[in-house]
Protein backbone atom coordinates (compact mmCIF):
# COMPACT_ATOMS: atom_id res chain seq x y z
CA LEU A 1 17.86 18.57 15.16
CA ARG A 2 18.00 15.74 12.66
CA ARG A 3 17.65 13.10 15.38
CA ALA A 4 14.85 15.06 17.02
CA THR A 5 13.01 15.33 13.70
CA TYR A 6 13.31 11.60 13.09
CA PHE A 7 12.13 10.88 16.64
CA PHE A 8 8.96 12.95 16.27
CA ILE A 9 8.28 11.53 12.79
CA PHE A 10 8.53 8.02 14.26
CA LEU A 11 6.32 9.05 17.20
CA ASN A 12 3.72 10.52 14.84
CA LEU A 13 3.63 7.36 12.72
CA SER A 14 3.46 5.16 15.82
CA LEU A 15 0.18 6.79 16.90
CA ALA A 16 -1.64 4.40 14.56
CA LEU A 17 -0.97 1.66 17.12
CA PHE A 18 -2.79 3.55 19.86
CA GLU A 19 -5.66 5.33 18.06
CA GLU A 20 -9.02 3.67 17.48
CA PRO A 21 -9.14 1.11 15.98
CA ALA A 22 -5.94 0.32 17.82
CA VAL A 23 -3.76 -2.57 18.88
CA TYR A 24 -3.09 -0.91 22.23
CA PRO A 25 -5.82 1.76 22.63
CA LEU A 26 -5.07 4.92 24.57
CA PRO A 27 -7.47 7.74 25.55
CA PHE A 28 -8.19 10.21 22.78
CA LEU A 29 -6.83 13.09 24.85
CA VAL A 30 -3.43 11.40 25.16
CA THR A 31 -3.04 10.61 21.46
CA SER A 32 -4.31 14.04 20.41
CA LEU A 33 -1.82 15.83 22.69
CA VAL A 34 1.04 13.72 21.32
CA GLU A 35 -0.04 14.45 17.74
CA VAL A 36 -0.35 18.18 18.38
CA SER A 37 3.14 18.15 19.94
CA CYS A 38 4.54 16.42 16.85
CA LEU A 39 2.83 18.89 14.54
CA LEU A 40 4.23 21.81 16.53
CA VAL A 41 7.73 20.37 16.19
CA PHE A 42 7.22 19.93 12.44
CA PHE A 43 5.96 23.50 12.14
CA GLY A 44 8.95 24.76 14.13
CA ARG A 45 11.31 22.83 11.86
CA LEU A 46 9.58 24.29 8.81
CA THR A 47 9.85 27.78 10.31
CA HIS A 48 13.56 27.21 10.82
CA PHE A 49 13.91 26.30 7.13
CA ALA A 50 12.05 29.48 6.19
CA LYS A 51 14.40 31.66 8.25
CA VAL A 52 17.54 30.33 6.56
CA THR A 53 16.09 30.18 3.03
CA LEU A 54 15.16 32.92 0.61
CA CYS A 55 11.40 33.49 0.56
CA ASN A 56 10.92 32.85 -3.16
CA VAL A 57 13.07 29.69 -2.94
CA PHE A 58 11.20 28.41 0.12
CA TRP A 59 7.72 28.67 -1.44
CA LYS A 60 8.87 27.21 -4.76
CA ASP A 61 9.96 24.02 -3.01
CA THR A 62 7.07 21.54 -3.19
CA LYS A 63 8.43 19.66 -0.17
CA ASN A 64 7.75 22.64 2.09
CA ILE A 65 4.27 23.12 0.65
CA CYS A 66 3.48 19.42 1.19
CA ILE A 67 4.60 19.61 4.82
CA MET A 68 2.54 22.76 5.45
CA ALA A 69 -0.54 21.23 3.81
CA ALA A 70 -0.13 18.01 5.84
CA ILE A 71 0.10 20.00 9.10
CA LEU A 72 -3.05 22.00 8.28
CA LEU A 73 -5.01 18.92 7.20
CA SER A 74 -3.99 17.01 10.32
CA LEU A 75 -5.03 19.85 12.62
CA MET A 76 -8.36 20.32 10.84
CA ASP A 77 -9.12 16.61 10.96
CA LEU A 78 -8.14 16.38 14.62
CA ALA A 79 -10.40 19.31 15.52
CA ILE A 80 -13.36 17.93 13.53
CA TYR A 81 -12.89 14.45 14.99
CA GLY A 82 -12.74 15.88 18.52
CA ILE A 83 -15.92 17.93 18.05
CA LEU A 84 -17.80 14.95 16.61
CA ARG A 85 -16.57 12.80 19.47
CA VAL A 86 -18.02 15.26 22.00
CA TYR A 87 -21.44 14.85 20.36
CA ASN A 88 -21.04 11.04 20.19
CA VAL A 89 -20.91 11.03 16.41
CA LYS A 90 -18.82 8.16 15.05
CA SER A 91 -16.19 9.17 12.50
CA ILE A 92 -12.72 8.24 11.29
CA ARG A 93 -9.36 10.00 11.22
CA TRP A 94 -8.93 10.31 7.44
CA SER A 95 -5.81 12.48 7.78
CA ARG A 96 -3.70 9.59 9.09
CA ILE A 97 -2.87 8.66 5.51
CA VAL A 98 -0.90 11.93 5.12
CA ARG A 99 1.49 11.18 8.00
CA PRO A 100 4.12 9.52 5.75
CA VAL A 101 4.37 12.92 4.01
CA PHE A 102 6.49 14.12 6.94
CA LEU A 103 8.83 11.15 6.56
CA ILE A 104 9.36 11.79 2.85
CA ASN A 105 9.48 15.58 2.52
CA PHE A 106 11.80 16.80 5.26
CA ALA A 107 15.29 17.71 4.06
CA GLU A 108 16.83 14.98 6.25
CA SER A 109 14.98 12.28 4.26
CA ARG A 110 16.88 12.70 1.00
CA GLN A 111 17.65 8.97 0.69
CA ILE A 112 14.00 8.04 1.25
CA ARG A 113 12.91 10.48 -1.46
CA ARG A 114 15.42 8.94 -3.85
CA ALA A 115 14.03 5.48 -3.15
CA PHE A 116 10.45 6.67 -3.70
CA ARG A 117 11.47 8.44 -6.89
CA SER A 118 13.02 5.22 -8.18
CA ILE A 119 9.83 3.31 -7.34
CA ARG A 120 7.72 5.96 -9.09
CA ASN A 121 9.89 5.79 -12.21
CA THR A 122 9.72 1.99 -12.16
CA LEU A 123 5.93 1.74 -12.04
CA PRO A 124 5.19 2.62 -15.72
CA GLU A 125 7.64 0.01 -16.94
CA ILE A 126 6.14 -2.85 -14.91
CA THR A 127 2.57 -1.98 -15.92
CA TYR A 128 2.74 -4.19 -19.03
CA VAL A 129 3.77 -7.26 -17.04
CA PHE A 130 1.04 -6.56 -14.51
CA LEU A 131 -1.56 -6.25 -17.28
CA LEU A 132 -0.43 -9.58 -18.75
CA PHE A 133 -0.77 -11.18 -15.34
CA MET A 134 -4.28 -9.76 -14.88
CA PHE A 135 -5.25 -10.96 -18.36
CA SER A 136 -4.06 -14.47 -17.47
CA LEU A 137 -5.95 -14.36 -14.17
CA LEU A 138 -9.18 -13.23 -15.86
CA MET A 139 -8.88 -15.90 -18.58
CA PHE A 140 -8.30 -18.70 -16.07
CA SER A 141 -11.25 -17.40 -14.05
CA LEU A 142 -13.44 -17.52 -17.15
CA MET A 143 -12.31 -21.09 -17.86
CA ALA A 144 -13.05 -22.06 -14.25
CA LEU A 145 -16.55 -20.60 -14.55
CA LYS A 146 -17.21 -22.65 -17.69
CA LEU A 147 -15.67 -25.83 -16.25
CA PHE A 148 -17.25 -25.86 -12.80
CA GLY A 149 -20.10 -23.34 -12.83
CA GLU A 150 -22.68 -25.67 -14.37
CA ARG A 151 -21.85 -28.79 -12.34
CA ASN A 152 -23.66 -27.68 -9.15
CA LEU A 153 -20.63 -28.33 -6.98
CA GLN A 154 -20.47 -27.12 -3.39
CA THR A 155 -17.71 -26.14 -1.00
CA ALA A 156 -17.14 -27.86 2.35
CA GLU A 157 -19.38 -25.16 3.91
CA GLY A 158 -22.23 -26.01 1.52
CA LEU A 159 -21.85 -22.85 -0.57
CA PRO A 160 -22.02 -22.77 -4.39
CA TYR A 161 -18.66 -23.55 -5.93
CA PHE A 162 -17.32 -21.25 -8.67
CA LYS A 163 -20.69 -19.79 -9.61
CA ASN A 164 -19.86 -16.09 -9.45
CA TYR A 165 -17.19 -14.74 -11.79
CA LEU A 166 -15.87 -12.04 -9.42
CA GLU A 167 -15.61 -14.53 -6.57
CA ILE A 168 -13.69 -16.87 -8.86
CA VAL A 169 -11.27 -14.06 -9.73
CA PHE A 170 -10.69 -13.40 -6.04
CA ASP A 171 -10.22 -17.10 -5.16
CA LEU A 172 -7.73 -17.60 -7.98
CA TYR A 173 -5.93 -14.39 -7.03
CA VAL A 174 -5.50 -15.82 -3.54
CA LEU A 175 -4.33 -19.09 -5.11
CA VAL A 176 -1.44 -17.18 -6.69
CA THR A 177 -0.09 -16.85 -3.14
CA THR A 178 -1.02 -20.54 -2.51
CA ALA A 179 -2.76 -19.40 0.71
CA ASN A 180 -5.95 -21.36 -0.12
CA SER A 181 -4.22 -24.34 -1.72
CA PRO A 182 -5.37 -27.12 -1.98
CA ASP A 183 -8.72 -26.23 -0.37
CA VAL A 184 -9.86 -24.18 -3.36
CA MET A 185 -9.65 -27.16 -5.72
CA MET A 186 -11.01 -29.93 -3.47
CA PRO A 187 -14.69 -29.74 -4.60
CA ALA A 188 -13.58 -30.07 -8.24
CA PHE A 189 -11.02 -32.76 -7.34
CA ASP A 190 -13.68 -34.78 -5.51
CA PHE A 191 -15.86 -34.62 -8.62
CA SER A 192 -13.01 -35.70 -10.92
CA SER A 193 -9.33 -35.98 -10.16
CA TRP A 194 -8.55 -34.77 -13.70
CA TYR A 195 -9.68 -31.27 -12.72
CA ALA A 196 -6.52 -30.97 -10.61
CA LEU A 197 -4.66 -30.37 -13.88
CA PHE A 198 -6.45 -27.03 -14.26
CA PHE A 199 -5.20 -25.79 -10.89
CA ILE A 200 -1.72 -27.19 -11.45
CA ALA A 201 -1.52 -25.33 -14.78
CA PHE A 202 -2.78 -22.15 -13.10
CA VAL A 203 -0.13 -22.30 -10.36
CA ILE A 204 2.67 -23.02 -12.85
CA VAL A 205 1.71 -20.14 -15.16
CA ASN A 206 0.79 -17.48 -12.63
CA THR A 207 2.75 -18.30 -9.48
CA TYR A 208 6.00 -19.69 -10.86
CA ILE A 209 6.26 -17.91 -14.21
CA PHE A 210 4.44 -14.58 -13.89
CA MET A 211 5.50 -13.85 -10.31
CA SER A 212 9.15 -14.60 -11.14
CA LEU A 213 8.92 -12.45 -14.27
CA PHE A 214 7.24 -9.65 -12.32
CA LEU A 215 9.94 -9.73 -9.64
CA ALA A 216 12.72 -9.70 -12.25
CA VAL A 217 11.22 -6.70 -14.08
CA VAL A 218 10.73 -4.77 -10.85
CA TYR A 219 14.29 -5.49 -9.66
CA ASN A 220 16.01 -4.66 -12.95
CA ASN A 221 14.11 -1.42 -13.54
CA TYR A 222 14.50 -0.26 -9.96
CA LYS A 223 18.25 -0.94 -10.12
CA LYS A 224 18.49 0.93 -13.42
CA HIS A 225 16.75 4.05 -12.11
CA LEU A 226 18.74 3.93 -8.89
CA LYS A 227 22.02 3.85 -10.82
CA VAL A 228 20.93 6.78 -13.00
CA MET A 229 19.86 8.77 -9.94
CA PHE A 230 23.19 8.29 -8.16
CA GLY A 231 25.17 9.16 -11.27
CA GLY A 232 25.94 5.65 -12.44
CA VAL A 233 25.85 4.30 -15.96
CA ASN A 234 22.46 3.72 -17.54
CA CYS A 235 21.86 -0.02 -17.93
CA ASP A 236 20.36 0.55 -21.37
């Protein structure tokens, strides 16, 4: 039963590859029949839990309630989507975002729930580092607006260069990953090679310092909560 449950969970999650918009599109009837089959298996597994569990214990378990709610929402969304499709009304399958609920909440997924619980407990403790990073990004974006916004520079496509603050924030956010380097700085570099120092300083502070600090905080806090959860010694 455990292997069968995992198989149908994997099959249900894999439907995203074949439903519109899809990588390998299949007819709606095929994907809907597969999804209904998966939901019936999940409902049967939940019914099996209910038969071997006391009624008051079963309904007090939030995992069972989450699974039941996900099944109902998926069936409702599938029915509404099918009816709208008959009348050629374009819509989306909004219930696909609840499919990971089946992966997390079945009794067989205890290790996955522990990992998610550790991630959830880690999030509040990394918020301060994330806020510092965002503050640095916003300040560098403001400096870029003041440095380049009034010089009437243009990109290679002939668009205004660093004129809009929100666009600057996005471009510098991408620069943290170095995906747009060195293209993002070339208009300023062509105007004056000294402006390269601004982008070098940005990469050093945000990519090499903040990203390393962020990774260290995430790793240490996740390891701490994982040790506590498995009965280890608290790192504090």
